[in-house]
Amino acid sequence: MAATTPSSLLPKSIPPFFTNPTTLSSTRFPNLSFPTNPTDRQPHSTTRTPTVRPNAKKRNEWLDPFDTGEDPDMEYGSQYSEGKQSEDPRPPENPDNPYGFLKFPMGFMPEVASLGLKIRGDVRRCCCVISGGVYENLLFFPTIQLLKDRYPGVQVDVLSSARGKQTYEMNKNVRWADVIDPDDDFPEPAEYLDLLGLIKNRYYDMILSTKLAGVGHASFLFMSTARERVGYIYPNVNSAGAGLFMSETFTPDRLNLSEGGYHMYHQMTDWLARPGRGVPRQTVPPLKVSMSRKLKDTVAAKYKDAGVEKGKYVVIHGIQSDSKASMQSRGDVDSLLPLHIWAEITKSIRGVKPVYVIPHEKERENVEEIIGYDANIVFITTPGQLAALINDSVGVISTNTAAVQIARAREKPCVALFGSEEKAKLFLPNLEDNNKFIIASSKTGKLVDIDTDAVKNAVQIFEMPLAIA
């Protein structure tokens, strides 16, 4: 009985349940093999050719794996779909109204707000998280102006470090500037959650970040509930998972954005200036700064106490110091000169008085000891006061600090001292037709080895008649 088995007791052959055998997992059936030749497949199977869109940036697959981009066959009407968002006039706010009033952005109508926000991509409120100090925040000014040009009526707020916040007294396009150190890897949990609640209560449409984001910072931007979460991510494995929480990411080619110089935010500005329906590509505006009358009067009192008059002095900035108020760039740490080199540069100037800007009061004694007790010294720690001092001067002699960027924004003659010619081209590009700027760079790559005789000859660009010995 055991030796012979009737054929009727053998299991019958089971027809295949799957018409396409390639859907089976090879990991669960390691001994199965399937034909790989396209001619051996089922006759009804066809090979689909993927649609290729030229010049199209790859979508974030973490957000929606089935999102293939905008439908080219979609037809839109003219209402809320083309052109820039409009600044509709509205009645003035009445603070004496006993029932109170709501502060809506320009052109914001709650009844139809979602149409412009979703179809046209309107941005009524924008928050910018800026990493770095004074120099990095100063170079972000053109991006803020680009936001105002691209989205008329947008309200721009800034989150920056304590030093970076001081920069925005020179920017009239910023509504609120709050202090947070984006570079602090271990913030206080209570302050962190309080700031998150503050951001959520402002209902931002877009949040921009210049801090290189990992999954931690990206989740913070995600919890802000902004519709567009745009920022930089790490160019290495630290960016793993960050794209899941952001709607647009930029991968720089370096870990330190500041090393990119003047155009350190070029990826973000290129994305913000992109063309839209009925909107041409925007041009990135140049760097501009503004000062209040109160700020100018405060600085005027300072330089008058130092013994100089308006339009009869040259600003000397970039004295070597360990103070955080030196306003250096994080991309150029070799950007301060010792006092004995400044003494050699300025001792032969005639016709105008050099004003030495010190970032800390402890440097006053060193300046008086090396330069002389009759030296004109001004103690300034904020970029706004530095801009007001430069605005009333004849010109500027400075290393690569915020002073050279402010002098360029105010169109003042400047002699800029750099450690190398490559650094000069990065931080001060497109100076071929600017006869008010002269670049003096070191041949050895170190700023202390700069040729002082070349700097003395360069001082002649100032409008005041100078006599150089």
Protein backbone atom coordinates (compact mmCIF):
# COMPACT_ATOMS: atom_id res chain seq x y z
CA MET A 1 0.00 0.00 0.00
CA ALA A 2 2.80 2.33 0.89
CA ALA A 3 4.83 1.33 -2.17
CA THR A 4 2.13 2.01 -4.70
CA THR A 5 0.18 5.24 -4.62
CA PRO A 6 -2.86 5.73 -6.80
CA SER A 7 -2.58 8.61 -9.24
CA SER A 8 -5.93 9.96 -8.08
CA LEU A 9 -4.44 10.73 -4.68
CA LEU A 10 -1.69 12.95 -6.14
CA PRO A 11 -2.32 16.71 -5.92
CA LYS A 12 -3.62 18.22 -9.07
CA SER A 13 -1.74 21.00 -10.84
CA ILE A 14 -2.93 24.41 -9.69
CA PRO A 15 -3.32 27.08 -12.36
CA PRO A 16 -1.29 30.25 -11.79
CA PHE A 17 -3.07 33.01 -9.87
CA PHE A 18 -0.84 35.74 -11.20
CA THR A 19 -0.88 36.74 -14.85
CA ASN A 20 2.34 38.71 -14.42
CA PRO A 21 4.92 36.51 -12.72
CA THR A 22 7.27 39.45 -12.06
CA THR A 23 5.02 40.65 -9.22
CA LEU A 24 6.21 37.79 -7.01
CA SER A 25 8.93 38.61 -4.56
CA SER A 26 12.18 36.80 -5.23
CA THR A 27 13.12 37.01 -1.56
CA ARG A 28 10.20 34.81 -0.52
CA PHE A 29 10.69 32.35 -3.42
CA PRO A 30 14.45 32.09 -3.90
CA ASN A 31 14.26 29.02 -6.12
CA LEU A 32 11.89 30.52 -8.67
CA SER A 33 13.21 31.92 -11.93
CA PHE A 34 11.30 34.06 -14.41
CA PRO A 35 12.03 34.96 -18.01
CA THR A 36 13.91 38.21 -18.39
CA ASN A 37 13.68 38.44 -22.16
CA PRO A 38 10.87 40.85 -23.16
CA THR A 39 9.84 38.45 -25.96
CA ASP A 40 9.14 35.66 -23.45
CA ARG A 41 6.58 37.72 -21.54
CA GLN A 42 2.82 37.74 -21.99
CA PRO A 43 1.69 39.10 -25.34
CA HIS A 44 -0.51 41.78 -23.80
CA SER A 45 2.28 43.29 -21.68
CA THR A 46 3.72 46.51 -23.11
CA THR A 47 6.69 48.58 -22.07
CA ARG A 48 5.76 52.13 -21.08
CA THR A 49 8.15 54.87 -22.08
CA PRO A 50 8.66 57.34 -19.24
CA THR A 51 7.83 60.95 -19.90
CA VAL A 52 10.90 63.15 -19.74
CA ARG A 53 10.51 66.84 -18.94
CA PRO A 54 13.56 68.88 -19.88
CA ASN A 55 14.95 71.35 -17.32
CA ALA A 56 12.52 70.05 -14.68
CA LYS A 57 13.81 69.71 -11.14
CA LYS A 58 13.21 66.33 -9.54
CA ARG A 59 10.27 66.36 -7.17
CA ASN A 60 10.65 65.47 -3.52
CA GLU A 61 9.71 61.79 -3.53
CA TRP A 62 9.31 61.80 0.23
CA LEU A 63 6.26 64.05 0.03
CA ASP A 64 4.25 62.22 -2.63
CA PRO A 65 5.71 59.31 -4.66
CA PHE A 66 2.90 59.68 -7.21
CA ASP A 67 3.43 63.41 -7.81
CA THR A 68 4.84 63.87 -11.31
CA GLY A 69 4.71 67.66 -11.22
CA GLU A 70 2.32 70.15 -12.72
CA ASP A 71 -0.14 68.92 -15.32
CA PRO A 72 0.75 70.59 -18.64
CA ASP A 73 -2.82 70.12 -19.92
CA MET A 74 -4.41 71.89 -16.95
CA GLU A 75 -6.34 75.01 -17.96
CA TYR A 76 -6.70 77.91 -15.58
CA GLY A 77 -8.82 81.00 -15.78
CA SER A 78 -7.46 84.48 -15.23
CA GLN A 79 -8.90 84.85 -11.74
CA TYR A 80 -6.34 84.12 -8.96
CA SER A 81 -4.12 82.16 -11.35
CA GLU A 82 -1.93 84.57 -13.34
CA GLY A 83 0.31 87.46 -12.46
CA LYS A 84 1.47 88.60 -9.05
CA GLN A 85 -0.70 88.84 -6.00
CA SER A 86 -2.50 92.17 -5.83
CA GLU A 87 -2.34 94.77 -3.10
CA ASP A 88 -6.01 95.64 -2.81
CA PRO A 89 -6.81 98.83 -0.91
CA ARG A 90 -8.71 98.37 2.33
CA PRO A 91 -10.28 100.70 4.89
CA PRO A 92 -7.89 102.08 7.49
CA GLU A 93 -7.81 100.34 10.83
CA ASN A 94 -9.72 102.07 13.61
CA PRO A 95 -8.09 101.45 17.00
CA ASP A 96 -10.96 103.28 18.73
CA ASN A 97 -13.49 100.71 17.56
CA PRO A 98 -15.01 99.20 20.74
CA TYR A 99 -15.41 95.86 18.96
CA GLY A 100 -11.75 95.67 18.07
CA PHE A 101 -10.21 95.01 14.64
CA LEU A 102 -8.19 92.33 12.89
CA LYS A 103 -4.83 92.95 11.26
CA PHE A 104 -4.95 91.18 7.90
CA PRO A 105 -2.14 91.53 5.35
CA MET A 106 -2.62 93.72 2.30
CA GLY A 107 -5.04 92.18 -0.17
CA PHE A 108 -6.01 89.40 2.21
CA MET A 109 -9.69 88.48 2.10
CA PRO A 110 -10.56 85.52 4.33
CA GLU A 111 -13.44 84.44 2.10
CA VAL A 112 -11.31 83.78 -0.98
CA ALA A 113 -7.81 83.60 0.52
CA SER A 114 -7.43 79.91 -0.24
CA LEU A 115 -7.90 80.47 -3.98
CA GLY A 116 -4.87 82.69 -4.40
CA LEU A 117 -2.82 80.69 -1.93
CA LYS A 118 -3.39 77.36 -3.67
CA ILE A 119 -3.75 78.31 -7.33
CA ARG A 120 -1.44 81.27 -7.73
CA GLY A 121 0.85 80.53 -4.80
CA ASP A 122 0.36 83.78 -2.93
CA VAL A 123 2.57 84.51 0.06
CA ARG A 124 1.11 87.00 2.52
CA ARG A 125 3.31 86.22 5.52
CA CYS A 126 6.89 84.95 5.29
CA CYS A 127 9.38 84.01 8.01
CA CYS A 128 13.13 83.89 7.41
CA VAL A 129 15.42 81.89 9.70
CA ILE A 130 18.91 83.29 9.12
CA SER A 131 22.02 81.51 10.34
CA GLY A 132 25.17 83.47 11.09
CA GLY A 133 26.12 86.90 12.35
CA VAL A 134 25.99 90.45 11.02
CA TYR A 135 27.76 89.72 7.72
CA GLU A 136 25.49 86.79 6.79
CA ASN A 137 22.32 88.70 7.68
CA LEU A 138 23.50 91.72 5.72
CA LEU A 139 23.99 89.64 2.58
CA PHE A 140 20.42 88.35 2.98
CA PHE A 141 19.00 91.84 2.31
CA PRO A 142 18.73 91.32 -1.49
CA THR A 143 16.72 88.14 -0.87
CA ILE A 144 14.27 90.05 1.33
CA GLN A 145 13.87 92.71 -1.33
CA LEU A 146 13.31 89.95 -3.89
CA LEU A 147 10.49 88.61 -1.71
CA LYS A 148 8.87 92.05 -1.60
CA ASP A 149 9.13 92.39 -5.40
CA ARG A 150 7.86 88.88 -6.17
CA TYR A 151 5.01 88.89 -3.63
CA PRO A 152 3.66 92.45 -3.32
CA GLY A 153 2.34 93.21 0.14
CA VAL A 154 4.09 90.29 1.84
CA GLN A 155 4.94 90.74 5.52
CA VAL A 156 8.49 89.53 6.22
CA ASP A 157 9.62 88.48 9.70
CA VAL A 158 13.10 87.32 10.69
CA LEU A 159 14.47 84.86 13.25
CA SER A 160 18.18 85.41 13.82
CA SER A 161 20.89 85.52 16.43
CA ALA A 162 21.28 88.46 18.79
CA ARG A 163 24.04 89.95 16.63
CA GLY A 164 22.17 89.26 13.43
CA LYS A 165 19.03 90.97 14.70
CA GLN A 166 20.93 94.26 14.99
CA THR A 167 21.31 94.29 11.21
CA TYR A 168 17.60 94.77 10.58
CA GLU A 169 17.49 98.30 11.93
CA MET A 170 18.85 99.07 8.45
CA ASN A 171 16.07 97.20 6.61
CA LYS A 172 12.63 98.78 6.32
CA ASN A 173 11.16 95.67 4.66
CA VAL A 174 11.25 93.57 7.85
CA ARG A 175 8.24 93.76 10.16
CA TRP A 176 9.47 91.83 13.21
CA ALA A 177 12.91 90.47 14.10
CA ASP A 178 13.06 87.93 16.93
CA VAL A 179 16.14 86.49 18.58
CA ILE A 180 16.91 82.80 18.22
CA ASP A 181 20.30 81.25 17.63
CA PRO A 182 19.75 78.80 14.74
CA ASP A 183 23.28 77.46 15.21
CA ASP A 184 22.65 76.35 18.79
CA ASP A 185 22.55 72.56 18.68
CA PHE A 186 21.12 72.24 22.21
CA PRO A 187 18.49 74.95 22.76
CA GLU A 188 16.49 75.24 25.95
CA PRO A 189 13.33 73.11 25.55
CA ALA A 190 11.08 75.77 27.11
CA GLU A 191 12.37 78.53 24.82
CA TYR A 192 12.24 76.18 21.85
CA LEU A 193 8.57 75.31 22.38
CA ASP A 194 7.66 78.92 23.14
CA LEU A 195 9.19 80.04 19.86
CA LEU A 196 7.40 77.26 18.01
CA GLY A 197 4.09 78.41 19.43
CA LEU A 198 4.90 81.98 18.43
CA ILE A 199 5.56 80.93 14.84
CA LYS A 200 2.40 78.82 14.62
CA ASN A 201 0.25 81.69 15.88
CA ARG A 202 1.47 83.94 13.08
CA TYR A 203 0.19 81.60 10.34
CA TYR A 204 3.05 81.92 7.89
CA ASP A 205 2.56 80.94 4.27
CA MET A 206 6.29 80.42 3.67
CA ILE A 207 9.28 79.87 5.90
CA LEU A 208 12.84 80.17 4.57
CA SER A 209 15.89 78.83 6.37
CA THR A 210 19.58 79.29 5.62
CA LYS A 211 20.70 76.86 8.32
CA LEU A 212 21.87 73.51 7.00
CA ALA A 213 19.05 71.24 8.09
CA GLY A 214 19.06 67.71 9.32
CA VAL A 215 15.98 65.88 10.46
CA GLY A 216 15.85 67.96 13.67
CA HIS A 217 15.75 71.42 12.12
CA ALA A 218 13.56 70.18 9.26
CA SER A 219 10.99 68.88 11.75
CA PHE A 220 11.03 72.28 13.46
CA LEU A 221 10.18 73.94 10.14
CA PHE A 222 7.50 71.32 9.55
CA MET A 223 5.85 72.05 12.91
CA SER A 224 5.57 75.72 11.94
CA THR A 225 2.62 74.58 9.70
CA ALA A 226 3.78 76.89 6.90
CA ARG A 227 2.62 75.87 3.43
CA GLU A 228 6.06 76.29 1.85
CA ARG A 229 9.03 75.12 3.90
CA VAL A 230 12.17 76.02 1.98
CA GLY A 231 15.76 75.71 3.10
CA TYR A 232 19.23 74.24 2.80
CA ILE A 233 20.12 70.71 3.86
CA TYR A 234 23.45 69.10 4.67
CA PRO A 235 25.45 67.93 1.63
CA ASN A 236 26.27 64.67 3.43
CA VAL A 237 24.55 61.87 5.35
CA ASN A 238 23.33 64.30 8.02
CA SER A 239 20.52 65.31 5.67
CA ALA A 240 18.89 61.86 5.84
CA GLY A 241 15.18 62.26 6.44
CA ALA A 242 15.17 66.06 6.20
CA GLY A 243 13.42 66.06 2.83
CA LEU A 244 10.40 64.36 4.40
CA PHE A 245 9.51 67.53 6.31
CA MET A 246 10.38 70.20 3.71
CA SER A 247 8.69 71.21 0.47
CA GLU A 248 11.83 72.53 -1.27
CA THR A 249 15.46 71.78 -0.43
CA PHE A 250 18.80 73.08 -1.66
CA THR A 251 22.00 71.09 -1.35
CA PRO A 252 25.07 73.36 -1.27
CA ASP A 253 28.50 72.25 -2.37
CA ARG A 254 30.07 73.14 0.99
CA LEU A 255 29.31 72.84 4.68
CA ASN A 256 29.92 76.55 5.28
CA LEU A 257 27.58 78.69 3.18
CA SER A 258 29.55 81.83 4.02
CA GLU A 259 32.46 80.61 1.93
CA GLY A 260 30.32 81.34 -1.13
CA GLY A 261 30.86 85.06 -0.64
CA TYR A 262 28.42 87.67 -1.84
CA HIS A 263 26.26 85.13 -3.70
CA MET A 264 26.15 82.63 -0.83
CA TYR A 265 22.35 82.32 -1.17
CA HIS A 266 22.26 81.97 -4.95
CA GLN A 267 20.32 78.68 -4.90
CA MET A 268 17.54 80.16 -2.79
CA THR A 269 17.35 83.40 -4.76
CA ASP A 270 17.25 81.47 -8.03
CA TRP A 271 14.26 79.50 -6.76
CA LEU A 272 12.45 82.58 -5.47
CA ALA A 273 13.03 84.43 -8.75
CA ARG A 274 11.65 81.59 -10.88
CA PRO A 275 9.02 82.55 -13.47
CA GLY A 276 5.35 81.75 -12.96
CA ARG A 277 2.08 82.01 -14.85
CA GLY A 278 2.06 85.55 -16.14
CA VAL A 279 5.13 86.44 -14.05
CA PRO A 280 8.56 86.73 -15.71
CA ARG A 281 11.76 85.72 -13.97
CA GLN A 282 12.63 88.27 -11.33
CA THR A 283 15.99 89.99 -11.11
CA VAL A 284 17.87 89.91 -7.81
CA PRO A 285 18.20 93.52 -6.56
CA PRO A 286 21.51 94.89 -5.25
CA LEU A 287 22.31 95.32 -1.59
CA LYS A 288 20.75 98.47 -0.08
CA VAL A 289 20.67 99.75 3.48
CA SER A 290 18.67 102.54 5.10
CA MET A 291 19.10 104.51 8.33
CA SER A 292 16.74 106.43 10.54
CA ARG A 293 17.22 110.05 11.51
CA LYS A 294 17.56 109.08 15.16
CA LEU A 295 20.40 106.71 14.32
CA LYS A 296 22.22 109.37 12.30
CA ASP A 297 21.95 111.90 15.12
CA THR A 298 23.29 109.40 17.64
CA VAL A 299 26.33 108.61 15.52
CA ALA A 300 26.91 112.29 14.69
CA ALA A 301 27.23 113.02 18.38
CA LYS A 302 29.77 110.20 18.70
CA TYR A 303 32.14 111.29 15.94
CA LYS A 304 31.89 114.94 17.00
CA ASP A 305 33.03 113.95 20.47
CA ALA A 306 35.93 112.13 18.78
CA GLY A 307 37.03 115.44 17.21
CA VAL A 308 35.98 115.09 13.55
CA GLU A 309 33.37 116.73 11.37
CA LYS A 310 30.97 115.41 8.77
CA GLY A 311 32.60 114.74 5.40
CA LYS A 312 36.14 115.25 6.70
CA TYR A 313 37.18 111.82 7.93
CA VAL A 314 37.94 108.31 6.68
CA VAL A 315 36.58 105.25 8.48
CA ILE A 316 39.17 102.65 9.52
CA HIS A 317 37.53 99.30 10.24
CA GLY A 318 38.98 95.82 10.79
CA ILE A 319 41.20 96.26 13.86
CA GLN A 320 42.30 92.93 15.28
CA SER A 321 40.25 92.03 18.34
CA ASP A 322 38.60 89.04 19.99
CA SER A 323 35.28 90.90 20.24
CA LYS A 324 32.20 89.45 18.55
CA ALA A 325 31.36 92.95 17.30
CA SER A 326 34.12 92.84 14.66
CA MET A 327 31.43 91.93 12.06
CA GLN A 328 33.55 89.38 10.22
CA SER A 329 32.29 86.85 7.74
CA ARG A 330 32.31 83.21 8.73
CA GLY A 331 33.70 82.45 5.30
CA ASP A 332 36.83 84.57 5.81
CA VAL A 333 38.29 84.25 9.29
CA ASP A 334 41.55 85.95 8.23
CA SER A 335 40.02 89.41 7.93
CA LEU A 336 41.48 91.52 10.77
CA LEU A 337 44.75 93.44 10.85
CA PRO A 338 46.91 94.23 13.89
CA LEU A 339 47.27 97.83 14.98
CA HIS A 340 50.90 98.31 13.95
CA ILE A 341 49.97 97.67 10.28
CA TRP A 342 47.06 100.13 10.50
CA ALA A 343 49.48 102.69 11.94
CA GLU A 344 51.77 102.25 8.96
CA ILE A 345 48.86 102.62 6.51
CA THR A 346 47.31 105.74 8.05
CA LYS A 347 50.35 107.73 9.23
CA SER A 348 50.90 109.32 5.79
CA ILE A 349 47.31 110.43 5.13
CA ARG A 350 46.82 114.19 4.84
CA GLY A 351 43.71 116.27 4.25
CA VAL A 352 41.27 114.07 6.16
CA LYS A 353 41.36 112.47 9.59
CA PRO A 354 41.29 108.71 10.07
CA VAL A 355 38.61 107.54 12.51
CA TYR A 356 39.43 104.22 14.16
CA VAL A 357 36.37 102.08 14.89
CA ILE A 358 36.90 99.84 17.92
CA PRO A 359 34.54 96.93 18.71
CA HIS A 360 35.27 97.02 22.45
CA GLU A 361 36.37 99.69 24.94
CA LYS A 362 39.38 97.63 25.95
CA GLU A 363 40.89 98.37 22.51
CA ARG A 364 40.95 102.12 23.15
CA GLU A 365 44.08 101.91 25.27
CA ASN A 366 45.86 99.85 22.61
CA VAL A 367 44.98 102.36 19.87
CA GLU A 368 46.21 105.29 21.95
CA GLU A 369 49.44 103.47 22.75
CA ILE A 370 50.29 102.49 19.16
CA ILE A 371 48.64 105.24 17.06
CA GLY A 372 48.91 108.09 19.54
CA TYR A 373 46.85 109.78 22.21
CA ASP A 374 45.51 112.25 19.68
CA ALA A 375 43.89 109.46 17.59
CA ASN A 376 40.22 109.84 16.68
CA ILE A 377 38.48 106.80 18.16
CA VAL A 378 34.80 105.84 17.93
CA PHE A 379 33.34 102.91 19.85
CA ILE A 380 30.71 101.19 17.67
CA THR A 381 29.25 97.70 18.03
CA THR A 382 26.10 97.72 15.87
CA PRO A 383 25.96 97.64 12.05
CA GLY A 384 23.40 100.45 11.99
CA GLN A 385 25.73 102.87 13.73
CA LEU A 386 28.58 101.73 11.49
CA ALA A 387 26.44 102.49 8.43
CA ALA A 388 25.61 105.96 9.73
CA LEU A 389 29.31 106.62 10.39
CA ILE A 390 30.21 105.49 6.85
CA ASN A 391 27.39 107.56 5.37
CA ASP A 392 28.84 110.82 6.76
CA SER A 393 32.45 109.98 5.85
CA VAL A 394 34.61 110.58 2.81
CA GLY A 395 35.36 106.89 2.37
CA VAL A 396 36.33 103.64 4.03
CA ILE A 397 39.54 101.68 4.48
CA SER A 398 38.57 98.26 5.75
CA THR A 399 39.33 94.57 5.70
CA ASN A 400 36.67 92.04 4.72
CA THR A 401 34.07 93.03 7.32
CA ALA A 402 30.55 94.36 7.06
CA ALA A 403 32.04 97.82 6.44
CA VAL A 404 32.98 97.01 2.82
CA GLN A 405 29.46 95.77 2.02
CA ILE A 406 27.88 98.84 3.66
CA ALA A 407 30.26 101.14 1.75
CA ARG A 408 29.23 99.47 -1.49
CA ALA A 409 25.55 99.79 -0.61
CA ARG A 410 25.96 103.51 0.20
CA GLU A 411 28.20 104.03 -2.87
CA LYS A 412 31.12 105.35 -0.85
CA PRO A 413 34.76 105.15 -2.00
CA CYS A 414 36.46 102.20 -0.37
CA VAL A 415 39.83 100.51 -0.19
CA ALA A 416 39.14 96.87 0.64
CA LEU A 417 41.94 94.72 2.05
CA PHE A 418 41.78 90.96 1.43
CA GLY A 419 44.03 88.04 2.22
CA SER A 420 43.87 86.76 -1.36
CA GLU A 421 42.58 87.80 -4.75
CA GLU A 422 40.20 84.84 -4.85
CA LYS A 423 38.48 86.00 -1.65
CA ALA A 424 38.12 89.48 -3.10
CA LYS A 425 36.35 88.16 -6.20
CA LEU A 426 33.98 86.09 -4.07
CA PHE A 427 32.91 88.80 -1.64
CA LEU A 428 33.07 91.81 -3.99
CA PRO A 429 32.13 90.60 -7.46
CA ASN A 430 31.40 92.72 -10.54
CA LEU A 431 33.62 95.67 -9.68
CA GLU A 432 35.07 96.13 -13.15
CA ASP A 433 33.12 99.34 -13.83
CA ASN A 434 33.20 100.66 -10.26
CA ASN A 435 35.92 103.26 -9.96
CA LYS A 436 35.09 103.92 -6.30
CA PHE A 437 36.40 100.56 -5.14
CA ILE A 438 40.01 99.46 -5.08
CA ILE A 439 40.98 95.96 -3.99
CA ALA A 440 44.32 95.39 -2.25
CA SER A 441 45.11 91.72 -1.73
CA SER A 442 48.02 89.84 -0.24
CA LYS A 443 50.28 87.79 -2.47
CA THR A 444 50.96 85.10 0.12
CA GLY A 445 47.37 84.32 1.08
CA LYS A 446 47.77 85.89 4.54
CA LEU A 447 46.33 89.29 5.31
CA VAL A 448 49.25 90.36 7.52
CA ASP A 449 51.57 90.15 4.50
CA ILE A 450 49.64 92.77 2.52
CA ASP A 451 51.67 95.42 0.70
CA THR A 452 51.16 98.62 2.68
CA ASP A 453 52.66 100.79 -0.07
CA ALA A 454 49.95 99.63 -2.48
CA VAL A 455 47.32 100.52 0.10
CA LYS A 456 48.77 104.02 0.51
CA ASN A 457 48.55 104.59 -3.25
CA ALA A 458 44.98 103.31 -3.30
CA VAL A 459 43.82 105.93 -0.78
CA GLN A 460 43.90 108.51 -3.57
CA ILE A 461 40.43 107.46 -4.73
CA PHE A 462 38.89 109.62 -2.02
CA GLU A 463 37.34 112.81 -3.23
CA MET A 464 39.12 114.97 -0.68
CA PRO A 465 42.59 116.09 -1.80
CA LEU A 466 45.05 113.81 -0.08
CA ALA A 467 48.83 114.04 0.18
CA ILE A 468 50.53 110.69 0.47
CA ALA A 469 54.18 110.87 1.49
